[in-house]
PDB file of N, CA and C in Angstrom:
ATOM      1  N   MET A   1       0.955  -1.334   0.062  1.00  0.00           N
ATOM      2  CA  MET A   1      -0.096  -0.154  -0.047  1.00  0.00           C
ATOM      3  C   MET A   1       1.069   1.152  -0.026  1.00  0.00           C
ATOM      4  N   ALA A   2       0.046   2.493  -0.534  1.00  0.00           N
ATOM      5  CA  ALA A   2       1.280   3.850  -1.053  1.00  0.00           C
ATOM      6  C   ALA A   2       0.893   4.368   0.140  1.00  0.00           C
ATOM      7  N   GLU A   3       2.115   5.033   0.597  1.00  0.00           N
ATOM      8  CA  GLU A   3       1.956   5.739   1.688  1.00  0.00           C
ATOM      9  C   GLU A   3       1.841   7.008   1.344  1.00  0.00           C
ATOM     10  N   VAL A   4       0.812   7.845   2.075  1.00  0.00           N
ATOM     11  CA  VAL A   4       0.263   9.208   1.678  1.00  0.00           C
ATOM     12  C   VAL A   4       1.024  10.126   2.508  1.00  0.00           C
ATOM     13  N   ASN A   5       1.331  11.150   2.049  1.00  0.00           N
ATOM     14  CA  ASN A   5       1.947  12.370   3.250  1.00  0.00           C
ATOM     15  C   ASN A   5       0.877  12.953   3.254  1.00  0.00           C
ATOM     16  N   TYR A   6       0.234  13.118   4.405  1.00  0.00           N
ATOM     17  CA  TYR A   6      -1.098  13.794   4.469  1.00  0.00           C
ATOM     18  C   TYR A   6      -0.367  15.908   4.902  1.00  0.00           C
ATOM     19  N   ILE A   7       0.809  15.839   5.192  1.00  0.00           N
ATOM     20  CA  ILE A   7       1.052  17.664   5.143  1.00  0.00           C
ATOM     21  C   ILE A   7       1.358  17.947   3.735  1.00  0.00           C
ATOM     22  N   ALA A   8       1.833  17.180   2.977  1.00  0.00           N
ATOM     23  CA  ALA A   8       2.001  17.526   1.419  1.00  0.00           C
ATOM     24  C   ALA A   8       1.033  17.886   0.707  1.00  0.00           C
ATOM     25  N   GLU A   9      -0.128  16.883   0.970  1.00  0.00           N
ATOM     26  CA  GLU A   9      -1.881  16.862   0.428  1.00  0.00           C
ATOM     27  C   GLU A   9      -2.377  18.353   1.069  1.00  0.00           C
ATOM     28  N   ALA A  10      -2.126  18.525   1.997  1.00  0.00           N
ATOM     29  CA  ALA A  10      -2.981  19.639   2.653  1.00  0.00           C
ATOM     30  C   ALA A  10      -2.269  20.876   2.439  1.00  0.00           C
ATOM     31  N   PHE A  11      -0.686  20.852   1.688  1.00  0.00           N
ATOM     32  CA  PHE A  11      -0.395  22.016   1.286  1.00  0.00           C
ATOM     33  C   PHE A  11      -0.838  22.203  -0.162  1.00  0.00           C
ATOM     34  N   LYS A  12      -1.011  21.231  -0.903  1.00  0.00           N
ATOM     35  CA  LYS A  12      -1.514  21.050  -1.786  1.00  0.00           C
ATOM     36  C   LYS A  12      -2.618  21.807  -2.340  1.00  0.00           C
ATOM     37  N   PHE A  13      -3.922  21.397  -1.557  1.00  0.00           N
ATOM     38  CA  PHE A  13      -5.326  21.932  -1.057  1.00  0.00           C
ATOM     39  C   PHE A  13      -4.815  23.648  -0.620  1.00  0.00           C
ATOM     40  N   MET A  14      -4.557  23.726   0.352  1.00  0.00           N
ATOM     41  CA  MET A  14      -4.271  25.023   0.612  1.00  0.00           C
ATOM     42  C   MET A  14      -3.849  26.067  -0.333  1.00  0.00           C
ATOM     43  N   VAL A  15      -2.820  25.496  -1.252  1.00  0.00           N
ATOM     44  CA  VAL A  15      -2.452  26.513  -2.013  1.00  0.00           C
ATOM     45  C   VAL A  15      -3.487  26.992  -3.441  1.00  0.00           C
ATOM     46  N   LEU A  16      -4.370  25.523  -3.591  1.00  0.00           N
ATOM     47  CA  LEU A  16      -5.123  25.346  -4.771  1.00  0.00           C
ATOM     48  C   LEU A  16      -6.048  26.313  -4.508  1.00  0.00           C
ATOM     49  N   GLY A  17      -6.694  26.436  -3.141  1.00  0.00           N
ATOM     50  CA  GLY A  17      -7.593  27.265  -2.411  1.00  0.00           C
ATOM     51  C   GLY A  17      -7.603  28.844  -2.635  1.00  0.00           C
ATOM     52  N   MET A  18      -5.848  28.740  -2.240  1.00  0.00           N
ATOM     53  CA  MET A  18      -5.715  30.371  -2.198  1.00  0.00           C
ATOM     54  C   MET A  18      -5.630  30.992  -3.519  1.00  0.00           C
ATOM     55  N   GLY A  19      -5.104  29.858  -4.306  1.00  0.00           N
ATOM     56  CA  GLY A  19      -4.954  30.333  -5.853  1.00  0.00           C
ATOM     57  C   GLY A  19      -6.187  30.765  -6.542  1.00  0.00           C
ATOM     58  N   VAL A  20      -7.543  30.045  -6.199  1.00  0.00           N
ATOM     59  CA  VAL A  20      -8.433  29.913  -6.271  1.00  0.00           C
ATOM     60  C   VAL A  20      -9.152  31.299  -6.298  1.00  0.00           C
ATOM     61  N   VAL A  21      -9.205  31.518  -5.000  1.00  0.00           N
ATOM     62  CA  VAL A  21      -9.739  32.604  -4.101  1.00  0.00           C
ATOM     63  C   VAL A  21      -8.831  34.031  -4.937  1.00  0.00           C
ATOM     64  N   PHE A  22      -7.490  34.100  -4.927  1.00  0.00           N
ATOM     65  CA  PHE A  22      -6.754  35.252  -5.517  1.00  0.00           C
ATOM     66  C   PHE A  22      -7.512  35.747  -6.527  1.00  0.00           C
ATOM     67  N   LEU A  23      -7.372  34.448  -7.982  1.00  0.00           N
ATOM     68  CA  LEU A  23      -7.608  34.646  -9.078  1.00  0.00           C
ATOM     69  C   LEU A  23      -9.438  35.117  -9.210  1.00  0.00           C
ATOM     70  N   PHE A  24      -9.873  34.857  -8.483  1.00  0.00           N
ATOM     71  CA  PHE A  24     -11.671  35.080  -8.297  1.00  0.00           C
ATOM     72  C   PHE A  24     -11.499  36.845  -8.318  1.00  0.00           C
ATOM     73  N   LEU A  25     -10.658  37.318  -6.843  1.00  0.00           N
ATOM     74  CA  LEU A  25     -10.679  38.672  -6.662  1.00  0.00           C
ATOM     75  C   LEU A  25     -10.404  39.454  -7.539  1.00  0.00           C
ATOM     76  N   ILE A  26      -9.150  38.981  -8.453  1.00  0.00           N
ATOM     77  CA  ILE A  26      -8.454  40.026  -9.622  1.00  0.00           C
ATOM     78  C   ILE A  26      -9.654  39.505 -10.886  1.00  0.00           C
ATOM     79  N   VAL A  27     -10.337  38.679 -11.156  1.00  0.00           N
ATOM     80  CA  VAL A  27     -11.404  38.695 -11.944  1.00  0.00           C
ATOM     81  C   VAL A  27     -12.688  40.029 -11.581  1.00  0.00           C
ATOM     82  N   LEU A  28     -12.909  39.593 -10.170  1.00  0.00           N
ATOM     83  CA  LEU A  28     -13.927  40.618  -9.722  1.00  0.00           C
ATOM     84  C   LEU A  28     -13.608  42.087  -9.549  1.00  0.00           C
ATOM     85  N   VAL A  29     -12.373  42.230  -9.654  1.00  0.00           N
ATOM     86  CA  VAL A  29     -11.931  43.817  -9.195  1.00  0.00           C
ATOM     87  C   VAL A  29     -11.918  44.488 -11.135  1.00  0.00           C
ATOM     88  N   GLN A  30     -11.324  43.425 -11.777  1.00  0.00           N
ATOM     89  CA  GLN A  30     -11.605  43.615 -13.293  1.00  0.00           C
ATOM     90  C   GLN A  30     -12.924  44.141 -13.628  1.00  0.00           C
ATOM     91  N   LEU A  31     -13.896  43.209 -13.622  1.00  0.00           N
ATOM     92  CA  LEU A  31     -15.172  43.225 -13.513  1.00  0.00           C
ATOM     93  C   LEU A  31     -15.869  44.996 -12.959  1.00  0.00           C
ATOM     94  N   ILE A  32     -15.641  44.555 -11.789  1.00  0.00           N
ATOM     95  CA  ILE A  32     -16.227  46.428 -11.150  1.00  0.00           C
ATOM     96  C   ILE A  32     -15.551  47.415 -11.680  1.00  0.00           C
ATOM     97  N   LYS A  33     -14.416  47.478 -12.129  1.00  0.00           N
ATOM     98  CA  LYS A  33     -13.758  48.699 -13.408  1.00  0.00           C
ATOM     99  C   LYS A  33     -14.326  48.730 -14.376  1.00  0.00           C
ATOM    100  N   LEU A  34     -14.580  47.682 -15.111  1.00  0.00           N
ATOM    101  CA  LEU A  34     -15.195  47.778 -16.572  1.00  0.00           C
ATOM    102  C   LEU A  34     -16.879  48.116 -16.171  1.00  0.00           C
ATOM    103  N   GLN A  35     -17.393  47.811 -15.157  1.00  0.00           N
ATOM    104  CA  GLN A  35     -18.756  48.289 -15.113  1.00  0.00           C
ATOM    105  C   GLN A  35     -18.610  49.585 -14.721  1.00  0.00           C
ATOM    106  N   ALA A  36     -17.771  50.328 -13.991  1.00  0.00           N
ATOM    107  CA  ALA A  36     -18.039  51.176 -13.892  1.00  0.00           C
ATOM    108  C   ALA A  36     -17.419  52.382 -15.319  1.00  0.00           C
ATOM    109  N   LYS A  37     -16.604  51.804 -15.865  1.00  0.00           N
ATOM    110  CA  LYS A  37     -16.288  52.433 -17.538  1.00  0.00           C
ATOM    111  C   LYS A  37     -17.541  52.477 -18.284  1.00  0.00           C
ATOM    112  N   LEU A  38     -18.858  51.410 -18.230  1.00  0.00           N
ATOM    113  CA  LEU A  38     -19.451  51.495 -18.990  1.00  0.00           C
ATOM    114  C   LEU A  38     -20.602  52.381 -18.258  1.00  0.00           C
ATOM    115  N   ILE A  39     -20.667  52.436 -17.439  1.00  0.00           N
ATOM    116  CA  ILE A  39     -21.932  53.120 -16.701  1.00  0.00           C
ATOM    117  C   ILE A  39     -21.069  54.389 -16.672  1.00  0.00           C
ATOM    118  N   ASN A  40     -20.133  55.041 -16.345  1.00  0.00           N
ATOM    119  CA  ASN A  40     -20.054  56.210 -16.589  1.00  0.00           C
ATOM    120  C   ASN A  40     -19.755  57.022 -18.514  1.00  0.00           C
ATOM    121  N   LYS A  41     -19.644  55.622 -19.310  1.00  0.00           N
ATOM    122  CA  LYS A  41     -19.765  55.874 -20.447  1.00  0.00           C
ATOM    123  C   LYS A  41     -21.355  56.183 -21.179  1.00  0.00           C
ATOM    124  N   TYR A  42     -21.879  55.578 -20.243  1.00  0.00           N
ATOM    125  CA  TYR A  42     -23.705  55.315 -20.991  1.00  0.00           C
ATOM    126  C   TYR A  42     -24.815  56.171 -20.276  1.00  0.00           C
ATOM    127  N   PHE A  43     -24.114  56.569 -18.774  1.00  0.00           N
ATOM    128  CA  PHE A  43     -24.851  57.290 -17.607  1.00  0.00           C
ATOM    129  C   PHE A  43     -23.776  58.295 -17.543  1.00  0.00           C
ATOM    130  N   PRO A  44     -23.271  59.353 -17.855  1.00  0.00           N
ATOM    131  CA  PRO A  44     -22.408  60.644 -17.462  1.00  0.00           C
ATOM    132  C   PRO A  44     -23.025  61.043 -16.302  1.00  0.00           C
ATOM    133  N   GLU A  45     -22.363  61.447 -15.348  1.00  0.00           N
ATOM    134  CA  GLU A  45     -22.611  62.169 -14.260  1.00  0.00           C
ATOM    135  C   GLU A  45     -23.041  63.698 -14.872  1.00  0.00           C
ATOM    136  N   THR A  46     -24.144  64.157 -14.343  1.00  0.00           N
ATOM    137  CA  THR A  46     -24.196  65.691 -14.840  1.00  0.00           C
ATOM    138  C   THR A  46     -24.129  66.479 -13.580  1.00  0.00           C
ATOM    139  N   THR A  47     -23.434  67.565 -13.870  1.00  0.00           N
ATOM    140  CA  THR A  47     -23.280  68.572 -12.577  1.00  0.00           C
ATOM    141  C   THR A  47     -24.546  69.437 -12.654  1.00  0.00           C
ATOM    142  N   PRO A  48     -25.410  69.519 -11.543  1.00  0.00           N
ATOM    143  CA  PRO A  48     -26.337  70.374 -11.419  1.00  0.00           C
ATOM    144  C   PRO A  48     -26.353  71.979 -11.775  1.00  0.00           C
ATOM    145  N   LYS A  49     -26.737  72.888 -12.674  1.00  0.00           N
ATOM    146  CA  LYS A  49     -26.248  74.008 -12.920  1.00  0.00           C
ATOM    147  C   LYS A  49     -27.363  74.704 -11.298  1.00  0.00           C
ATOM    148  N   SER A  50     -26.413  75.270 -10.807  1.00  0.00           N
ATOM    149  CA  SER A  50     -26.549  76.202  -9.283  1.00  0.00           C
ATOM    150  C   SER A  50     -27.101  77.704  -9.551  1.00  0.00           C
ATOM    151  N   SER A  51     -27.784  78.153  -9.179  1.00  0.00           N
ATOM    152  CA  SER A  51     -28.567  79.499  -9.051  1.00  0.00           C
ATOM    153  C   SER A  51     -27.780  80.191  -8.459  1.00  0.00           C
ATOM    154  N   VAL A  52     -27.741  81.549  -8.750  1.00  0.00           N
ATOM    155  CA  VAL A  52     -26.581  82.725  -8.136  1.00  0.00           C
ATOM    156  C   VAL A  52     -27.700  82.569  -6.779  1.00  0.00           C
ATOM    157  N   THR A  53     -26.813  82.239  -5.519  1.00  0.00           N
ATOM    158  CA  THR A  53     -27.389  82.717  -4.137  1.00  0.00           C
ATOM    159  C   THR A  53     -26.977  83.673  -3.750  1.00  0.00           C
ATOM    160  N   PRO A  54     -27.868  84.811  -3.075  1.00  0.00           N
ATOM    161  CA  PRO A  54     -27.180  86.087  -2.126  1.00  0.00           C
ATOM    162  C   PRO A  54     -26.315  85.618  -1.334  1.00  0.00           C
ATOM    163  N   VAL A  55     -25.300  86.200  -1.131  1.00  0.00           N
ATOM    164  CA  VAL A  55     -24.235  86.172  -0.100  1.00  0.00           C
ATOM    165  C   VAL A  55     -25.031  86.567   1.310  1.00  0.00           C
ATOM    166  N   SER A  56     -26.026  87.002   1.654  1.00  0.00           N
ATOM    167  CA  SER A  56     -26.622  87.308   2.994  1.00  0.00           C
ATOM    168  C   SER A  56     -27.481  85.953   3.301  1.00  0.00           C
ATOM    169  N   SER A  57     -27.725  84.996   2.338  1.00  0.00           N
ATOM    170  CA  SER A  57     -28.136  83.778   2.833  1.00  0.00           C
ATOM    171  C   SER A  57     -27.276  82.848   3.579  1.00  0.00           C
ATOM    172  N   THR A  58     -25.975  83.249   3.064  1.00  0.00           N
ATOM    173  CA  THR A  58     -24.973  82.630   4.478  1.00  0.00           C
ATOM    174  C   THR A  58     -24.840  83.164   5.465  1.00  0.00           C
ATOM    175  N   SER A  59     -24.687  84.423   5.755  1.00  0.00           N
ATOM    176  CA  SER A  59     -24.727  84.731   7.187  1.00  0.00           C
ATOM    177  C   SER A  59     -25.914  84.984   7.446  1.00  0.00           C
ATOM    178  N   ASP A  60     -26.931  84.637   6.889  1.00  0.00           N
ATOM    179  CA  ASP A  60     -28.423  84.538   7.828  1.00  0.00           C
ATOM    180  C   ASP A  60     -28.607  83.216   8.229  1.00  0.00           C
ATOM    181  N   ASP A  61     -27.959  82.063   7.931  1.00  0.00           N
ATOM    182  CA  ASP A  61     -27.949  80.914   8.371  1.00  0.00           C
ATOM    183  C   ASP A  61     -26.673  80.567   9.485  1.00  0.00           C
ATOM    184  N   GLU A  62     -25.800  81.503   9.267  1.00  0.00           N
ATOM    185  CA  GLU A  62     -24.537  81.712  10.631  1.00  0.00           C
ATOM    186  C   GLU A  62     -25.367  82.182  11.723  1.00  0.00           C
ATOM    187  N   GLN A  63     -26.281  83.300  11.549  1.00  0.00           N
ATOM    188  CA  GLN A  63     -26.878  84.214  12.432  1.00  0.00           C
ATOM    189  C   GLN A  63     -27.939  83.304  13.322  1.00  0.00           C
ATOM    190  N   ARG A  64     -28.692  82.198  12.539  1.00  0.00           N
ATOM    191  CA  ARG A  64     -29.535  81.552  13.042  1.00  0.00           C
ATOM    192  C   ARG A  64     -28.816  80.345  14.078  1.00  0.00           C
ATOM    193  N   THR A  65     -27.844  79.874  13.435  1.00  0.00           N
ATOM    194  CA  THR A  65     -26.793  79.039  14.066  1.00  0.00           C
ATOM    195  C   THR A  65     -26.620  79.560  15.321  1.00  0.00           C
ATOM    196  N   VAL A  66     -26.051  80.615  15.495  1.00  0.00           N
ATOM    197  CA  VAL A  66     -25.293  80.945  16.293  1.00  0.00           C
ATOM    198  C   VAL A  66     -26.249  81.229  17.703  1.00  0.00           C
ATOM    199  N   ALA A  67     -27.836  81.910  16.732  1.00  0.00           N
ATOM    200  CA  ALA A  67     -28.486  82.311  18.158  1.00  0.00           C
ATOM    201  C   ALA A  67     -29.472  80.891  18.331  1.00  0.00           C
ATOM    202  N   ALA A  68     -29.290  79.755  17.913  1.00  0.00           N
ATOM    203  CA  ALA A  68     -29.567  78.466  18.500  1.00  0.00           C
ATOM    204  C   ALA A  68     -29.057  78.135  19.520  1.00  0.00           C
ATOM    205  N   ILE A  69     -27.659  77.964  19.152  1.00  0.00           N
ATOM    206  CA  ILE A  69     -26.501  77.647  20.069  1.00  0.00           C
ATOM    207  C   ILE A  69     -26.607  78.612  21.444  1.00  0.00           C
ATOM    208  N   ILE A  70     -26.607  79.788  21.275  1.00  0.00           N
ATOM    209  CA  ILE A  70     -27.111  80.777  22.354  1.00  0.00           C
ATOM    210  C   ILE A  70     -28.313  80.555  23.527  1.00  0.00           C
ATOM    211  N   ALA A  71     -29.551  79.953  22.719  1.00  0.00           N
ATOM    212  CA  ALA A  71     -30.749  79.433  23.074  1.00  0.00           C
ATOM    213  C   ALA A  71     -30.445  78.304  24.020  1.00  0.00           C
ATOM    214  N   ALA A  72     -29.777  77.164  23.486  1.00  0.00           N
ATOM    215  CA  ALA A  72     -29.669  76.233  24.013  1.00  0.00           C
ATOM    216  C   ALA A  72     -28.248  76.181  25.118  1.00  0.00           C
ATOM    217  N   VAL A  73     -27.491  77.138  25.376  1.00  0.00           N
ATOM    218  CA  VAL A  73     -26.479  77.282  26.187  1.00  0.00           C
ATOM    219  C   VAL A  73     -27.488  77.788  27.455  1.00  0.00           C
ATOM    220  N   ALA A  74     -28.490  78.581  27.054  1.00  0.00           N
ATOM    221  CA  ALA A  74     -29.141  79.892  27.901  1.00  0.00           C
ATOM    222  C   ALA A  74     -29.806  78.663  28.926  1.00  0.00           C
ATOM    223  N   GLU A  75     -30.476  77.858  27.665  1.00  0.00           N
ATOM    224  CA  GLU A  75     -31.757  76.707  28.496  1.00  0.00           C
ATOM    225  C   GLU A  75     -30.840  75.627  29.098  1.00  0.00           C
ATOM    226  N   PHE A  76     -29.467  75.388  28.755  1.00  0.00           N
ATOM    227  CA  PHE A  76     -28.934  74.430  29.829  1.00  0.00           C
ATOM    228  C   PHE A  76     -28.660  74.944  31.395  1.00  0.00           C
ATOM    229  N   ARG A  77     -27.807  76.187  31.208  1.00  0.00           N
ATOM    230  CA  ARG A  77     -27.855  76.940  32.048  1.00  0.00           C
ATOM    231  C   ARG A  77     -28.670  77.067  33.248  1.00  0.00           C
ATOM    232  N   LYS A  78     -30.049  77.271  32.647  1.00  0.00           N
ATOM    233  CA  LYS A  78     -31.486  77.705  33.809  1.00  0.00           C
ATOM    234  C   LYS A  78     -31.922  76.372  34.085  1.00  0.00           C
ATOM    235  N   ASN A  79     -31.882  75.146  33.460  1.00  0.00           N
ATOM    236  CA  ASN A  79     -32.002  73.797  33.857  1.00  0.00           C
ATOM    237  C   ASN A  79     -31.082  73.147  34.984  1.00  0.00           C
ATOM    238  N   LYS A  80     -29.909  73.724  34.776  1.00  0.00           N
ATOM    239  CA  LYS A  80     -29.178  73.266  35.740  1.00  0.00           C
ATOM    240  C   LYS A  80     -28.930  73.943  36.933  1.00  0.00           C
ATOM    241  N   SER A  81     -29.372  75.195  37.056  1.00  0.00           N
ATOM    242  CA  SER A  81     -29.374  76.330  38.465  1.00  0.00           C
ATOM    243  C   SER A  81     -30.977  75.501  39.194  1.00  0.00           C
TER     244      SER A  81
END
């Protein structure tokens, strides 16, 4: 009867399994890159046309934020006392 080296057989299966997984991952990455190119080719990303917003809206937002912070701090101090 032939002697079987289980360590060598296990090593062969390990290398074979790791090789299959590695090849699968390479194929998967290439397919995802191809998919991205096809999507960009047939469905290009359009940039929305932004309307000109007045500068005061930014400062108005900042003023509202500051007012909300001040009100929150005042409420916190009132509840703490």
